[in-house]
Amino acid sequence: MGDGHSVGDASAEAPPLRLRTKLAFGIGSAAETIALFSLSSYGLLYYNQVLGLPGWMAGLAISLSFVIDGFADPIIGSLSDRTRSKWGRRHPYMFAAPIPIALFFFAIFNPPAGLDHNALFAWFTCSVVGLRVSMGVFHTPHLALGGELSHSYIERSQVMAWNNFSTWIGGTAISLIALTFFFKATPEYPRGLLNPEPYLPFSILAAVSAMAILFASSWFTRDQIPRLPKPPADQAPFSPFEFLKDIGKVLANRNYVWLLAGLFAASLMLGVRETLNLYVATYYWELSSELLRWYVVGSAAGFVAALLLTPRLHGRWSKRRIIIWSALGNAIFPCLAVLLRLSGFMFENGDPRLLITLVTFSAASYGSGAILSISVLSALADVADENEVKFGLRQEGVLYSTRALFAKLDTAVGAALAGLVLTLIAFPERAKPGTVAPEIVHQLALFMGPISLIPGLIAVLLYAQFSISKHDHAATRARISDLHRARAVAEQEG
């Protein structure tokens, strides 16, 4: 089990976290989004349309990066859980990651000139894998740190709320900056993203910004190191066998398994919807690029509402209840407009009220999704408490990283299924809005609406099996305090 220097040296009676600490933790996710949002939004387009790499090769490079990164995450988590240093368990990795992240990001958008397709594919694959794994070196310990910063049932939700909000800030900021200042339309390149010239200055700005923010997050949370849990003195060093034991311990927790199962179904739904969403907006609702920008208003409203409301909701009701209701909203709101149109109760295309309705549903969708994410991430810290009582060690690194593995693999599967959907319904290439056959557009709506709703509703049922209540959490924290006192007495007597 370990001695008095093990997990939980931090007191359960620790004072509330300062807002500065919550913000410093949260901005780490903003930097992650700056890098990975830029990759997902512009990387495939840059290599396919600007550099001429065949689409299947560019897509394969990104898929390989998801798989390799996903399996690397739990290994990083197990290493971090077992790390013993003057900088604690998390910060050595958080300080080590920013420079490689910046270098790999720069490499992605600045390949050597004159490469043939095979060499370009190799460069893109290695750079993307390097970026994602380096980001995992930061992000996995960073999320684990978020689960350790507080023992409070509600304050944990506040910490994760700032983390979630910062994710939105990072993605929105880099998108607006990129499209406003770098990829502007010119007479030669009416579609600015096809202009190769801005990618160099853009990659420098994004890489340096991400690196600076990651260092800032690490530096301004370092004062928390003395009060964070430490690994037991008798804990075995990392090895493949110990890693498998770590995975076995987290999967032995029933509540964790139900959270993973819910995540699996929800990620499958999201993978399909995120891929089809732009198709539906363009060809089903026939929205122009200018009108699509209003969706940012919906996302802003949703994320701000989640930041403000989630801790209050957890103060009034259990996380289990909030997870169930937010998962239900996350399943229904993104496809509600389509369901209403299929039922004959939605405004016609071109009606100003349609855009208002879509943006409203977008706000509800982003808000419920953000509340669900915050609630689950906060609940994982409660699961870590259960495992400390059962096994005598805290496993935030493995808990959060194994969840990330399932999410990445499942989202990739969902995206692949969405691509299969487009093939099955024979959706035409380079189609102009208003020219696609009505029956094809109708089939697209069916997959975005009632069909994609099915895994979302299954996710609700799976999440409902999670059973840690406020009372359970309080009882677990009391047992942990008793264990810590007993260890302290044993150490003094020894």
Foldseek 3Di string as FASTA:
>chain_A
DFFLQFFDPFDQPDDADDPLLLLLLQLLLLLVLLQVVCCVVQLLCCCCQQVNQPSVLSVVLLLVLLQLLLVLQLVLLVQLQADDDPLASQLVLLLPQLVQLLVLLLQSLDPDPDDDNVVNSVSNNVSSSSNSNSSSSRPLSSLLVLLFLHLDLLSSLLSLLSNLLSNLVSNVVLVCCCDPPQQDADPVRNGSSNDSVSSNVSSNVSSVVSSVSSVSSSVSNSVCRVNGGHHGPPDDHDDPVVSVVLVVLLVVQPLLVLLLLLLLLLLLLVLLQVLLVVVCVCAVLVDDPVLVVLLSVLLNLQSVCLSPCLSVVCVVFPLLVLLLVLLLLLLDLQLVQLVCVVVVNADHRPPPVRSVSNSNSSNSNNNSVSSNSSSSSSVLSLSQLVSCLVPVGGRSSSSVSNSSSSSSVSSVVSNVVNVVQCVVLVPDPPDHHPPTDPVSSNSSSCCNHPVSSVSSVVSSVSSSVNDQGPVNSVVSVVSVVVVSVVSVVVVVVD
